[in-house]
Amino acid sequence: LPQWVLSLPRLGCLNIHASLLPRW
């Protein structure tokens, strides 16, 4: 996702990541 996508929504972009960050 380039910056223009990340900045477009009012609340930004939320990601579901399958680990306990910052591991993996």
PDB file of all heavy atoms in Angstrom:
ATOM      1  N   LEU A   1       0.841  -1.189   0.000  1.00  0.00           N
ATOM      2  CA  LEU A   1       0.000   0.000   0.000  1.00  0.00           C
ATOM      3  C   LEU A   1       0.883   1.247   0.000  1.00  0.00           C
ATOM      4  O   LEU A   1       1.615   1.489   0.963  1.00  0.00           O
ATOM      5  CB  LEU A   1      -0.913   0.036   1.224  1.00  0.00           C
ATOM      6  CG  LEU A   1      -1.854  -1.147   1.429  1.00  0.00           C
ATOM      7  CD1 LEU A   1      -2.827  -0.847   2.560  1.00  0.00           C
ATOM      8  CD2 LEU A   1      -2.606  -1.507   0.165  1.00  0.00           C
ATOM      9  N   PRO A   2       0.828   2.056  -1.063  1.00  0.00           N
ATOM     10  CA  PRO A   2       1.591   3.313  -1.059  1.00  0.00           C
ATOM     11  C   PRO A   2       0.959   4.321  -0.107  1.00  0.00           C
ATOM     12  O   PRO A   2      -0.155   4.124   0.401  1.00  0.00           O
ATOM     13  CB  PRO A   2       1.501   3.777  -2.512  1.00  0.00           C
ATOM     14  CG  PRO A   2       0.286   3.110  -3.062  1.00  0.00           C
ATOM     15  CD  PRO A   2       0.128   1.817  -2.321  1.00  0.00           C
ATOM     16  N   GLN A   3       1.669   5.404   0.123  1.00  0.00           N
ATOM     17  CA  GLN A   3       1.231   6.372   1.124  1.00  0.00           C
ATOM     18  C   GLN A   3      -0.134   6.970   0.803  1.00  0.00           C
ATOM     19  O   GLN A   3      -0.923   7.254   1.709  1.00  0.00           O
ATOM     20  CB  GLN A   3       2.272   7.491   1.269  1.00  0.00           C
ATOM     21  CG  GLN A   3       2.016   8.429   2.449  1.00  0.00           C
ATOM     22  CD  GLN A   3       1.987   7.693   3.780  1.00  0.00           C
ATOM     23  OE1 GLN A   3       2.886   6.920   4.089  1.00  0.00           O
ATOM     24  NE2 GLN A   3       0.943   7.915   4.566  1.00  0.00           N
ATOM     25  N   TRP A   4      -0.453   7.151  -0.488  1.00  0.00           N
ATOM     26  CA  TRP A   4      -1.742   7.761  -0.800  1.00  0.00           C
ATOM     27  C   TRP A   4      -2.902   6.884  -0.334  1.00  0.00           C
ATOM     28  O   TRP A   4      -3.965   7.386   0.055  1.00  0.00           O
ATOM     29  CB  TRP A   4      -1.861   8.083  -2.298  1.00  0.00           C
ATOM     30  CG  TRP A   4      -2.038   6.913  -3.232  1.00  0.00           C
ATOM     31  CD1 TRP A   4      -1.080   6.294  -3.968  1.00  0.00           C
ATOM     32  CD2 TRP A   4      -3.271   6.235  -3.545  1.00  0.00           C
ATOM     33  NE1 TRP A   4      -1.617   5.271  -4.719  1.00  0.00           N
ATOM     34  CE2 TRP A   4      -2.970   5.215  -4.478  1.00  0.00           C
ATOM     35  CE3 TRP A   4      -4.592   6.392  -3.132  1.00  0.00           C
ATOM     36  CZ2 TRP A   4      -3.935   4.359  -5.000  1.00  0.00           C
ATOM     37  CZ3 TRP A   4      -5.558   5.530  -3.644  1.00  0.00           C
ATOM     38  CH2 TRP A   4      -5.226   4.539  -4.565  1.00  0.00           C
ATOM     39  N   VAL A   5      -2.708   5.544  -0.332  1.00  0.00           N
ATOM     40  CA  VAL A   5      -3.743   4.642   0.174  1.00  0.00           C
ATOM     41  C   VAL A   5      -3.816   4.723   1.697  1.00  0.00           C
ATOM     42  O   VAL A   5      -4.904   4.813   2.276  1.00  0.00           O
ATOM     43  CB  VAL A   5      -3.473   3.197  -0.267  1.00  0.00           C
ATOM     44  CG1 VAL A   5      -4.536   2.253   0.308  1.00  0.00           C
ATOM     45  CG2 VAL A   5      -3.438   3.089  -1.780  1.00  0.00           C
ATOM     46  N   LEU A   6      -2.657   4.692   2.348  1.00  0.00           N
ATOM     47  CA  LEU A   6      -2.631   4.741   3.811  1.00  0.00           C
ATOM     48  C   LEU A   6      -3.283   6.007   4.358  1.00  0.00           C
ATOM     49  O   LEU A   6      -3.886   5.994   5.439  1.00  0.00           O
ATOM     50  CB  LEU A   6      -1.182   4.650   4.305  1.00  0.00           C
ATOM     51  CG  LEU A   6      -0.424   3.360   3.980  1.00  0.00           C
ATOM     52  CD1 LEU A   6       1.046   3.496   4.353  1.00  0.00           C
ATOM     53  CD2 LEU A   6      -1.042   2.171   4.697  1.00  0.00           C
ATOM     54  N   SER A   7      -3.186   7.096   3.603  1.00  0.00           N
ATOM     55  CA  SER A   7      -3.682   8.393   4.076  1.00  0.00           C
ATOM     56  C   SER A   7      -5.123   8.678   3.673  1.00  0.00           C
ATOM     57  O   SER A   7      -5.728   9.615   4.181  1.00  0.00           O
ATOM     58  CB  SER A   7      -2.796   9.526   3.529  1.00  0.00           C
ATOM     59  OG  SER A   7      -1.453   9.344   3.905  1.00  0.00           O
ATOM     60  N   LEU A   8      -5.671   7.879   2.781  1.00  0.00           N
ATOM     61  CA  LEU A   8      -6.987   8.208   2.236  1.00  0.00           C
ATOM     62  C   LEU A   8      -8.123   8.048   3.243  1.00  0.00           C
ATOM     63  O   LEU A   8      -8.938   8.961   3.403  1.00  0.00           O
ATOM     64  CB  LEU A   8      -7.245   7.366   0.978  1.00  0.00           C
ATOM     65  CG  LEU A   8      -8.453   7.753   0.127  1.00  0.00           C
ATOM     66  CD1 LEU A   8      -8.168   7.470  -1.346  1.00  0.00           C
ATOM     67  CD2 LEU A   8      -9.719   7.003   0.548  1.00  0.00           C
ATOM     68  N   PRO A   9      -8.249   6.936   3.969  1.00  0.00           N
ATOM     69  CA  PRO A   9      -9.367   6.820   4.913  1.00  0.00           C
ATOM     70  C   PRO A   9      -9.166   7.734   6.129  1.00  0.00           C
ATOM     71  O   PRO A   9      -8.037   7.967   6.576  1.00  0.00           O
ATOM     72  CB  PRO A   9      -9.324   5.347   5.342  1.00  0.00           C
ATOM     73  CG  PRO A   9      -8.442   4.664   4.346  1.00  0.00           C
ATOM     74  CD  PRO A   9      -7.462   5.689   3.897  1.00  0.00           C
ATOM     75  N   ARG A  10     -10.264   8.212   6.665  1.00  0.00           N
ATOM     76  CA  ARG A  10     -10.215   9.116   7.829  1.00  0.00           C
ATOM     77  C   ARG A  10      -9.498   8.479   9.016  1.00  0.00           C
ATOM     78  O   ARG A  10      -8.735   9.158   9.729  1.00  0.00           O
ATOM     79  CB  ARG A  10     -11.658   9.484   8.217  1.00  0.00           C
ATOM     80  CG  ARG A  10     -11.793  10.367   9.453  1.00  0.00           C
ATOM     81  CD  ARG A  10     -13.235  10.776   9.652  1.00  0.00           C
ATOM     82  NE  ARG A  10     -14.116   9.628   9.853  1.00  0.00           N
ATOM     83  CZ  ARG A  10     -14.348   9.050  11.030  1.00  0.00           C
ATOM     84  NH1 ARG A  10     -13.750   9.517  12.129  1.00  0.00           N
ATOM     85  NH2 ARG A  10     -15.177   8.032  11.133  1.00  0.00           N
ATOM     86  N   LEU A  11      -9.714   7.190   9.222  1.00  0.00           N
ATOM     87  CA  LEU A  11      -9.087   6.479  10.344  1.00  0.00           C
ATOM     88  C   LEU A  11      -7.914   5.617   9.897  1.00  0.00           C
ATOM     89  O   LEU A  11      -7.419   4.791  10.666  1.00  0.00           O
ATOM     90  CB  LEU A  11     -10.135   5.607  11.050  1.00  0.00           C
ATOM     91  CG  LEU A  11     -11.296   6.363  11.698  1.00  0.00           C
ATOM     92  CD1 LEU A  11     -12.338   5.400  12.246  1.00  0.00           C
ATOM     93  CD2 LEU A  11     -10.796   7.292  12.799  1.00  0.00           C
ATOM     94  N   GLY A  12      -7.458   5.803   8.675  1.00  0.00           N
ATOM     95  CA  GLY A  12      -6.306   5.076   8.184  1.00  0.00           C
ATOM     96  C   GLY A  12      -6.634   3.635   7.832  1.00  0.00           C
ATOM     97  O   GLY A  12      -7.784   3.266   7.593  1.00  0.00           O
ATOM     98  N   CYS A  13      -5.596   2.784   7.814  1.00  0.00           N
ATOM     99  CA  CYS A  13      -5.721   1.378   7.418  1.00  0.00           C
ATOM    100  C   CYS A  13      -5.379   0.477   8.607  1.00  0.00           C
ATOM    101  O   CYS A  13      -4.317   0.623   9.215  1.00  0.00           O
ATOM    102  CB  CYS A  13      -4.791   1.069   6.249  1.00  0.00           C
ATOM    103  SG  CYS A  13      -5.126   2.053   4.763  1.00  0.00           S
ATOM    104  N   LEU A  14      -6.287  -0.445   8.907  1.00  0.00           N
ATOM    105  CA  LEU A  14      -6.075  -1.405   9.985  1.00  0.00           C
ATOM    106  C   LEU A  14      -5.770  -2.771   9.391  1.00  0.00           C
ATOM    107  O   LEU A  14      -6.417  -3.200   8.440  1.00  0.00           O
ATOM    108  CB  LEU A  14      -7.298  -1.498  10.888  1.00  0.00           C
ATOM    109  CG  LEU A  14      -7.825  -0.206  11.514  1.00  0.00           C
ATOM    110  CD1 LEU A  14      -8.909  -0.527  12.542  1.00  0.00           C
ATOM    111  CD2 LEU A  14      -6.711   0.601  12.143  1.00  0.00           C
ATOM    112  N   ASN A  15      -4.812  -3.456   9.967  1.00  0.00           N
ATOM    113  CA  ASN A  15      -4.361  -4.747   9.464  1.00  0.00           C
ATOM    114  C   ASN A  15      -4.550  -5.825  10.517  1.00  0.00           C
ATOM    115  O   ASN A  15      -4.281  -5.605  11.697  1.00  0.00           O
ATOM    116  CB  ASN A  15      -2.878  -4.664   9.062  1.00  0.00           C
ATOM    117  CG  ASN A  15      -2.312  -6.005   8.624  1.00  0.00           C
ATOM    118  OD1 ASN A  15      -1.412  -6.545   9.249  1.00  0.00           O
ATOM    119  ND2 ASN A  15      -2.834  -6.544   7.550  1.00  0.00           N
ATOM    120  N   ILE A  16      -5.014  -6.997  10.074  1.00  0.00           N
ATOM    121  CA  ILE A  16      -5.039  -8.180  10.934  1.00  0.00           C
ATOM    122  C   ILE A  16      -3.756  -8.953  10.663  1.00  0.00           C
ATOM    123  O   ILE A  16      -3.571  -9.478   9.560  1.00  0.00           O
ATOM    124  CB  ILE A  16      -6.256  -9.072  10.641  1.00  0.00           C
ATOM    125  CG1 ILE A  16      -7.557  -8.295  10.823  1.00  0.00           C
ATOM    126  CG2 ILE A  16      -6.240 -10.309  11.548  1.00  0.00           C
ATOM    127  CD1 ILE A  16      -8.803  -9.103  10.447  1.00  0.00           C
ATOM    128  N   HIS A  17      -2.890  -9.043  11.650  1.00  0.00           N
ATOM    129  CA  HIS A  17      -1.613  -9.739  11.459  1.00  0.00           C
ATOM    130  C   HIS A  17      -1.562 -10.968  12.350  1.00  0.00           C
ATOM    131  O   HIS A  17      -1.853 -10.907  13.550  1.00  0.00           O
ATOM    132  CB  HIS A  17      -0.436  -8.826  11.787  1.00  0.00           C
ATOM    133  CG  HIS A  17       0.894  -9.449  11.449  1.00  0.00           C
ATOM    134  ND1 HIS A  17       1.347  -9.579  10.161  1.00  0.00           N
ATOM    135  CD2 HIS A  17       1.833 -10.023  12.247  1.00  0.00           C
ATOM    136  CE1 HIS A  17       2.519 -10.192  10.168  1.00  0.00           C
ATOM    137  NE2 HIS A  17       2.831 -10.474  11.419  1.00  0.00           N
ATOM    138  N   ALA A  18      -1.157 -12.097  11.780  1.00  0.00           N
ATOM    139  CA  ALA A  18      -1.222 -13.387  12.464  1.00  0.00           C
ATOM    140  C   ALA A  18       0.020 -13.682  13.291  1.00  0.00           C
ATOM    141  O   ALA A  18       0.694 -14.708  13.113  1.00  0.00           O
ATOM    142  CB  ALA A  18      -1.471 -14.495  11.450  1.00  0.00           C
ATOM    143  N   SER A  19       0.365 -12.780  14.196  1.00  0.00           N
ATOM    144  CA  SER A  19       1.428 -13.048  15.164  1.00  0.00           C
ATOM    145  C   SER A  19       1.308 -12.031  16.297  1.00  0.00           C
ATOM    146  O   SER A  19       0.533 -11.083  16.218  1.00  0.00           O
ATOM    147  CB  SER A  19       2.823 -12.945  14.530  1.00  0.00           C
ATOM    148  OG  SER A  19       3.240 -11.591  14.418  1.00  0.00           O
ATOM    149  N   LEU A  20       2.102 -12.256  17.335  1.00  0.00           N
ATOM    150  CA  LEU A  20       2.190 -11.296  18.440  1.00  0.00           C
ATOM    151  C   LEU A  20       3.348 -10.349  18.132  1.00  0.00           C
ATOM    152  O   LEU A  20       4.486 -10.609  18.489  1.00  0.00           O
ATOM    153  CB  LEU A  20       2.422 -12.030  19.773  1.00  0.00           C
ATOM    154  CG  LEU A  20       1.324 -13.015  20.188  1.00  0.00           C
ATOM    155  CD1 LEU A  20       1.729 -13.761  21.453  1.00  0.00           C
ATOM    156  CD2 LEU A  20       0.000 -12.295  20.408  1.00  0.00           C
ATOM    157  N   LEU A  21       3.037  -9.291  17.429  1.00  0.00           N
ATOM    158  CA  LEU A  21       4.084  -8.355  17.036  1.00  0.00           C
ATOM    159  C   LEU A  21       4.825  -7.823  18.250  1.00  0.00           C
ATOM    160  O   LEU A  21       4.241  -7.695  19.342  1.00  0.00           O
ATOM    161  CB  LEU A  21       3.462  -7.203  16.242  1.00  0.00           C
ATOM    162  CG  LEU A  21       2.941  -7.589  14.846  1.00  0.00           C
ATOM    163  CD1 LEU A  21       2.148  -6.442  14.237  1.00  0.00           C
ATOM    164  CD2 LEU A  21       4.077  -7.989  13.921  1.00  0.00           C
ATOM    165  N   PRO A  22       6.158  -7.562  18.090  1.00  0.00           N
ATOM    166  CA  PRO A  22       6.926  -7.506  16.841  1.00  0.00           C
ATOM    167  C   PRO A  22       7.524  -8.848  16.393  1.00  0.00           C
ATOM    168  O   PRO A  22       8.299  -8.868  15.453  1.00  0.00           O
ATOM    169  CB  PRO A  22       8.041  -6.526  17.184  1.00  0.00           C
ATOM    170  CG  PRO A  22       8.317  -6.789  18.629  1.00  0.00           C
ATOM    171  CD  PRO A  22       6.959  -7.075  19.234  1.00  0.00           C
ATOM    172  N   ARG A  23       7.150  -9.954  17.065  1.00  0.00           N
ATOM    173  CA  ARG A  23       7.661 -11.248  16.617  1.00  0.00           C
ATOM    174  C   ARG A  23       6.918 -11.660  15.347  1.00  0.00           C
ATOM    175  O   ARG A  23       5.701 -11.551  15.260  1.00  0.00           O
ATOM    176  CB  ARG A  23       7.486 -12.306  17.705  1.00  0.00           C
ATOM    177  CG  ARG A  23       8.095 -13.675  17.334  1.00  0.00           C
ATOM    178  CD  ARG A  23       8.377 -14.502  18.560  1.00  0.00           C
ATOM    179  NE  ARG A  23       8.917 -15.828  18.250  1.00  0.00           N
ATOM    180  CZ  ARG A  23      10.181 -16.083  17.942  1.00  0.00           C
ATOM    181  NH1 ARG A  23      11.046 -15.080  17.882  1.00  0.00           N
ATOM    182  NH2 ARG A  23      10.599 -17.306  17.699  1.00  0.00           N
ATOM    183  N   TRP A  24       7.686 -12.121  14.385  1.00  0.00           N
ATOM    184  CA  TRP A  24       7.190 -12.627  13.113  1.00  0.00           C
ATOM    185  C   TRP A  24       6.450 -11.580  12.291  1.00  0.00           C
ATOM    186  O   TRP A  24       5.301 -11.776  11.892  1.00  0.00           O
ATOM    187  CB  TRP A  24       6.338 -13.890  13.306  1.00  0.00           C
ATOM    188  CG  TRP A  24       7.050 -14.998  14.001  1.00  0.00           C
ATOM    189  CD1 TRP A  24       6.653 -15.665  15.108  1.00  0.00           C
ATOM    190  CD2 TRP A  24       8.336 -15.558  13.644  1.00  0.00           C
ATOM    191  NE1 TRP A  24       7.576 -16.605  15.474  1.00  0.00           N
ATOM    192  CE2 TRP A  24       8.632 -16.553  14.593  1.00  0.00           C
ATOM    193  CE3 TRP A  24       9.258 -15.304  12.622  1.00  0.00           C
ATOM    194  CZ2 TRP A  24       9.795 -17.307  14.551  1.00  0.00           C
ATOM    195  CZ3 TRP A  24      10.426 -16.048  12.593  1.00  0.00           C
ATOM    196  CH2 TRP A  24      10.686 -17.039  13.541  1.00  0.00           C
TER     197      TRP A  24
END
